[in-house]
Each structure stands twice: as structure tokens, then as C-alpha cells.
Amino acid sequence: KALGERHAEVGTCLMNLGSVYLSVNDFQIAKGYFTDAVTIIEEGGGGKHTDLSKCLVNLATATFLCGDPLSATVYLRKALPVLESKLGKDHA
């Protein structure tokens, strides 16, 4: 059965592609993959899913390395409540 291009697994694959590009210092391409992955995960109802927080943190990293620390901070602030809801505020 075909999952479709907006399925959560596609979002995970895009997140992994972004990680590959991040690891070879191609930050702009990584940022594009992370942005697409965030959209798919959010559309799939994963607004409180740990994959969303991982993707947002990676997007923040790529964005920062592209020279935009202000936007990177926005992504990190968006990831924080997702992480806190899953891990608790006192998680070490």
C-alpha cells in the first residue's frame, strides 16, 4: 500500500536527508529538508511528537549555521514545549 508523499514516514526520511546534508556542511539544503519534514510532521498531527522536536532542533542548527541566529532561536523555542511535554521539565 502506498503511503503518500505527506505520510509521517516521508517526514522522517526528509529529516534524515537533512541530517546527511547537515553532516557535510551543506546547511541551506539541510534547512530545506528540515523545513519540509516539520511541515509534514505537523500536518500529520505530530505537533507533540518527539520527531517534531528533533526536526525543529536540527532546523534551528541548520538555520543558525546559515547565519540566521534569530530564526534559529524561534525554532528552538518551538521545540522546547514539545520536549517538555514528552520528557518533563526536570528531565536531565
N, C-alpha and C. Protein backbone atom coordinates (compact mmCIF):
# COMPACT_ATOMS: atom_id res chain seq x y z
N LYS A 1 0.85 -1.19 0.00
CA LYS A 1 0.00 0.00 0.00
C LYS A 1 0.89 1.24 0.00
N ALA A 2 0.60 2.16 -0.86
CA ALA A 2 1.36 3.40 -0.94
C ALA A 2 1.00 4.30 0.24
N LEU A 3 2.03 4.90 0.82
CA LEU A 3 1.81 5.76 1.99
C LEU A 3 1.48 7.20 1.61
N GLY A 4 1.93 7.64 0.46
CA GLY A 4 1.67 9.01 0.04
C GLY A 4 2.81 9.92 0.45
N GLU A 5 2.94 11.01 -0.29
CA GLU A 5 4.08 11.91 -0.08
C GLU A 5 3.97 12.75 1.19
N ARG A 6 2.82 12.75 1.85
CA ARG A 6 2.64 13.53 3.08
C ARG A 6 2.58 12.64 4.31
N HIS A 7 2.93 11.37 4.19
CA HIS A 7 2.90 10.44 5.31
C HIS A 7 4.05 10.74 6.26
N ALA A 8 3.86 10.42 7.53
CA ALA A 8 4.87 10.70 8.56
C ALA A 8 6.21 10.04 8.23
N GLU A 9 6.18 8.87 7.61
CA GLU A 9 7.44 8.21 7.24
C GLU A 9 8.23 9.02 6.23
N VAL A 10 7.53 9.74 5.36
CA VAL A 10 8.20 10.62 4.41
C VAL A 10 8.86 11.77 5.17
N GLY A 11 8.16 12.29 6.17
CA GLY A 11 8.74 13.33 7.02
C GLY A 11 10.00 12.85 7.71
N THR A 12 9.99 11.61 8.20
CA THR A 12 11.17 11.04 8.85
C THR A 12 12.31 10.90 7.85
N CYS A 13 12.00 10.46 6.65
CA CYS A 13 13.02 10.33 5.61
C CYS A 13 13.63 11.69 5.26
N LEU A 14 12.78 12.71 5.13
CA LEU A 14 13.28 14.06 4.85
C LEU A 14 14.16 14.57 5.98
N MET A 15 13.76 14.26 7.21
CA MET A 15 14.57 14.66 8.36
C MET A 15 15.95 14.00 8.29
N ASN A 16 15.98 12.73 7.92
CA ASN A 16 17.25 12.02 7.80
C ASN A 16 18.11 12.58 6.66
N LEU A 17 17.47 12.93 5.54
CA LEU A 17 18.21 13.57 4.46
C LEU A 17 18.82 14.90 4.92
N GLY A 18 18.02 15.66 5.67
CA GLY A 18 18.55 16.91 6.22
C GLY A 18 19.75 16.68 7.10
N SER A 19 19.72 15.62 7.88
CA SER A 19 20.85 15.30 8.76
C SER A 19 22.10 14.97 7.95
N VAL A 20 21.91 14.28 6.84
CA VAL A 20 23.06 13.95 5.97
C VAL A 20 23.68 15.24 5.44
N TYR A 21 22.85 16.13 4.93
CA TYR A 21 23.38 17.39 4.40
C TYR A 21 23.98 18.27 5.49
N LEU A 22 23.42 18.21 6.67
CA LEU A 22 23.99 18.95 7.80
C LEU A 22 25.39 18.43 8.11
N SER A 23 25.54 17.11 8.05
CA SER A 23 26.83 16.50 8.39
C SER A 23 27.93 16.81 7.37
N VAL A 24 27.54 17.16 6.15
CA VAL A 24 28.55 17.51 5.14
C VAL A 24 28.59 19.03 4.91
N ASN A 25 28.05 19.76 5.88
CA ASN A 25 28.12 21.22 5.89
C ASN A 25 27.40 21.91 4.73
N ASP A 26 26.36 21.26 4.21
CA ASP A 26 25.52 21.91 3.20
C ASP A 26 24.25 22.37 3.90
N PHE A 27 24.40 23.46 4.64
CA PHE A 27 23.38 23.90 5.58
C PHE A 27 22.09 24.37 4.92
N GLN A 28 22.20 25.01 3.77
CA GLN A 28 21.00 25.52 3.10
C GLN A 28 20.12 24.37 2.61
N ILE A 29 20.73 23.34 2.04
CA ILE A 29 19.95 22.18 1.59
C ILE A 29 19.36 21.45 2.80
N ALA A 30 20.15 21.31 3.85
CA ALA A 30 19.67 20.66 5.08
C ALA A 30 18.46 21.41 5.61
N LYS A 31 18.54 22.73 5.62
CA LYS A 31 17.44 23.55 6.11
C LYS A 31 16.15 23.29 5.33
N GLY A 32 16.27 23.16 4.02
CA GLY A 32 15.10 22.88 3.19
C GLY A 32 14.45 21.54 3.54
N TYR A 33 15.29 20.52 3.73
CA TYR A 33 14.74 19.21 4.10
C TYR A 33 14.08 19.25 5.47
N PHE A 34 14.72 19.91 6.42
CA PHE A 34 14.13 20.00 7.76
C PHE A 34 12.82 20.78 7.74
N THR A 35 12.77 21.84 6.97
CA THR A 35 11.54 22.63 6.86
C THR A 35 10.40 21.78 6.30
N ASP A 36 10.68 21.04 5.23
CA ASP A 36 9.66 20.17 4.65
C ASP A 36 9.22 19.09 5.64
N ALA A 37 10.18 18.53 6.36
CA ALA A 37 9.87 17.48 7.34
C ALA A 37 8.98 18.02 8.45
N VAL A 38 9.28 19.20 8.96
CA VAL A 38 8.46 19.82 10.00
C VAL A 38 7.03 19.98 9.51
N THR A 39 6.86 20.47 8.29
CA THR A 39 5.53 20.67 7.73
C THR A 39 4.76 19.35 7.68
N ILE A 40 5.39 18.30 7.19
CA ILE A 40 4.71 17.01 7.07
C ILE A 40 4.36 16.44 8.45
N ILE A 41 5.29 16.53 9.39
CA ILE A 41 5.03 16.00 10.73
C ILE A 41 3.89 16.76 11.39
N GLU A 42 3.89 18.09 11.25
CA GLU A 42 2.81 18.89 11.83
C GLU A 42 1.47 18.60 11.16
N GLU A 43 1.47 18.47 9.85
CA GLU A 43 0.22 18.18 9.12
C GLU A 43 -0.34 16.82 9.51
N GLY A 44 0.55 15.90 9.88
CA GLY A 44 0.12 14.56 10.25
C GLY A 44 -0.33 14.45 11.69
N GLY A 45 -0.46 15.59 12.35
CA GLY A 45 -0.91 15.58 13.74
C GLY A 45 0.18 15.30 14.73
N GLY A 46 1.43 15.42 14.31
CA GLY A 46 2.55 15.13 15.19
C GLY A 46 3.07 16.33 15.94
N GLY A 47 2.19 17.28 16.23
CA GLY A 47 2.61 18.51 16.89
C GLY A 47 3.23 18.33 18.24
N LYS A 48 3.01 17.19 18.87
CA LYS A 48 3.62 16.93 20.18
C LYS A 48 4.51 15.69 20.11
N HIS A 49 4.93 15.32 18.93
CA HIS A 49 5.74 14.13 18.73
C HIS A 49 7.22 14.47 18.87
N THR A 50 7.99 13.53 19.42
CA THR A 50 9.42 13.79 19.60
C THR A 50 10.14 13.97 18.27
N ASP A 51 9.65 13.35 17.17
CA ASP A 51 10.26 13.59 15.87
C ASP A 51 10.17 15.07 15.49
N LEU A 52 9.07 15.70 15.87
CA LEU A 52 8.92 17.12 15.58
C LEU A 52 9.97 17.92 16.33
N SER A 53 10.18 17.61 17.59
CA SER A 53 11.17 18.36 18.36
C SER A 53 12.58 18.13 17.82
N LYS A 54 12.90 16.89 17.44
CA LYS A 54 14.22 16.60 16.86
C LYS A 54 14.42 17.39 15.57
N CYS A 55 13.38 17.40 14.76
CA CYS A 55 13.46 18.09 13.49
C CYS A 55 13.61 19.60 13.69
N LEU A 56 12.87 20.15 14.65
CA LEU A 56 12.98 21.59 14.93
C LEU A 56 14.36 21.96 15.45
N VAL A 57 14.94 21.11 16.28
CA VAL A 57 16.29 21.37 16.78
C VAL A 57 17.29 21.33 15.63
N ASN A 58 17.14 20.34 14.75
CA ASN A 58 18.03 20.26 13.59
C ASN A 58 17.82 21.45 12.65
N LEU A 59 16.58 21.87 12.48
CA LEU A 59 16.29 23.04 11.66
C LEU A 59 16.93 24.28 12.28
N ALA A 60 16.86 24.39 13.58
CA ALA A 60 17.50 25.52 14.27
C ALA A 60 19.00 25.51 14.04
N THR A 61 19.61 24.34 14.11
CA THR A 61 21.06 24.23 13.89
C THR A 61 21.42 24.66 12.48
N ALA A 62 20.70 24.13 11.49
CA ALA A 62 20.99 24.49 10.10
C ALA A 62 20.76 25.98 9.86
N THR A 63 19.70 26.51 10.44
CA THR A 63 19.38 27.93 10.29
C THR A 63 20.46 28.80 10.91
N PHE A 64 20.91 28.42 12.09
CA PHE A 64 22.00 29.16 12.75
C PHE A 64 23.26 29.14 11.89
N LEU A 65 23.58 27.96 11.37
CA LEU A 65 24.80 27.82 10.56
C LEU A 65 24.67 28.51 9.20
N CYS A 66 23.44 28.83 8.79
CA CYS A 66 23.21 29.64 7.58
C CYS A 66 23.33 31.13 7.90
N GLY A 67 23.56 31.46 9.17
CA GLY A 67 23.75 32.85 9.55
C GLY A 67 22.53 33.57 10.05
N ASP A 68 21.53 32.83 10.50
CA ASP A 68 20.29 33.45 10.98
C ASP A 68 19.97 33.00 12.41
N PRO A 69 20.73 33.51 13.39
CA PRO A 69 20.53 33.06 14.77
C PRO A 69 19.17 33.44 15.34
N LEU A 70 18.57 34.51 14.89
CA LEU A 70 17.26 34.91 15.41
C LEU A 70 16.19 33.88 15.05
N SER A 71 16.15 33.46 13.80
CA SER A 71 15.19 32.44 13.39
C SER A 71 15.49 31.11 14.06
N ALA A 72 16.77 30.81 14.25
CA ALA A 72 17.15 29.56 14.94
C ALA A 72 16.55 29.53 16.34
N THR A 73 16.57 30.66 17.01
CA THR A 73 16.00 30.75 18.35
C THR A 73 14.50 30.48 18.33
N VAL A 74 13.82 30.96 17.31
CA VAL A 74 12.37 30.73 17.19
C VAL A 74 12.10 29.23 17.10
N TYR A 75 12.87 28.51 16.29
CA TYR A 75 12.68 27.06 16.15
C TYR A 75 12.96 26.33 17.46
N LEU A 76 13.99 26.76 18.17
CA LEU A 76 14.31 26.12 19.46
C LEU A 76 13.21 26.37 20.48
N ARG A 77 12.66 27.58 20.49
CA ARG A 77 11.56 27.87 21.41
C ARG A 77 10.31 27.07 21.07
N LYS A 78 10.13 26.75 19.81
CA LYS A 78 9.00 25.92 19.39
C LYS A 78 9.22 24.46 19.79
N ALA A 79 10.47 24.01 19.77
CA ALA A 79 10.80 22.62 20.13
C ALA A 79 10.69 22.38 21.63
N LEU A 80 10.98 23.38 22.41
CA LEU A 80 11.06 23.21 23.87
C LEU A 80 9.78 22.67 24.50
N PRO A 81 8.60 23.24 24.24
CA PRO A 81 7.40 22.69 24.87
C PRO A 81 7.08 21.26 24.43
N VAL A 82 7.46 20.92 23.20
CA VAL A 82 7.25 19.55 22.73
C VAL A 82 8.10 18.59 23.55
N LEU A 83 9.36 18.96 23.74
CA LEU A 83 10.26 18.14 24.55
C LEU A 83 9.80 18.06 25.99
N GLU A 84 9.41 19.19 26.55
CA GLU A 84 8.98 19.21 27.95
C GLU A 84 7.72 18.36 28.15
N SER A 85 6.83 18.36 27.17
CA SER A 85 5.61 17.57 27.33
C SER A 85 5.89 16.08 27.28
N LYS A 86 6.93 15.68 26.59
CA LYS A 86 7.29 14.27 26.48
C LYS A 86 8.24 13.83 27.58
N LEU A 87 9.18 14.69 27.93
CA LEU A 87 10.25 14.31 28.86
C LEU A 87 10.08 14.88 30.27
N GLY A 88 9.27 15.91 30.40
CA GLY A 88 9.13 16.60 31.68
C GLY A 88 10.13 17.74 31.76
N LYS A 89 9.79 18.75 32.50
CA LYS A 89 10.66 19.93 32.61
C LYS A 89 11.95 19.64 33.36
N ASP A 90 11.95 18.63 34.21
CA ASP A 90 13.12 18.34 35.04
C ASP A 90 13.97 17.21 34.48
N HIS A 91 13.71 16.80 33.24
CA HIS A 91 14.47 15.68 32.63
C HIS A 91 15.93 16.10 32.47
N ALA A 92 16.82 15.21 32.86
CA ALA A 92 18.26 15.53 32.76
C ALA A 92 18.89 14.86 31.57
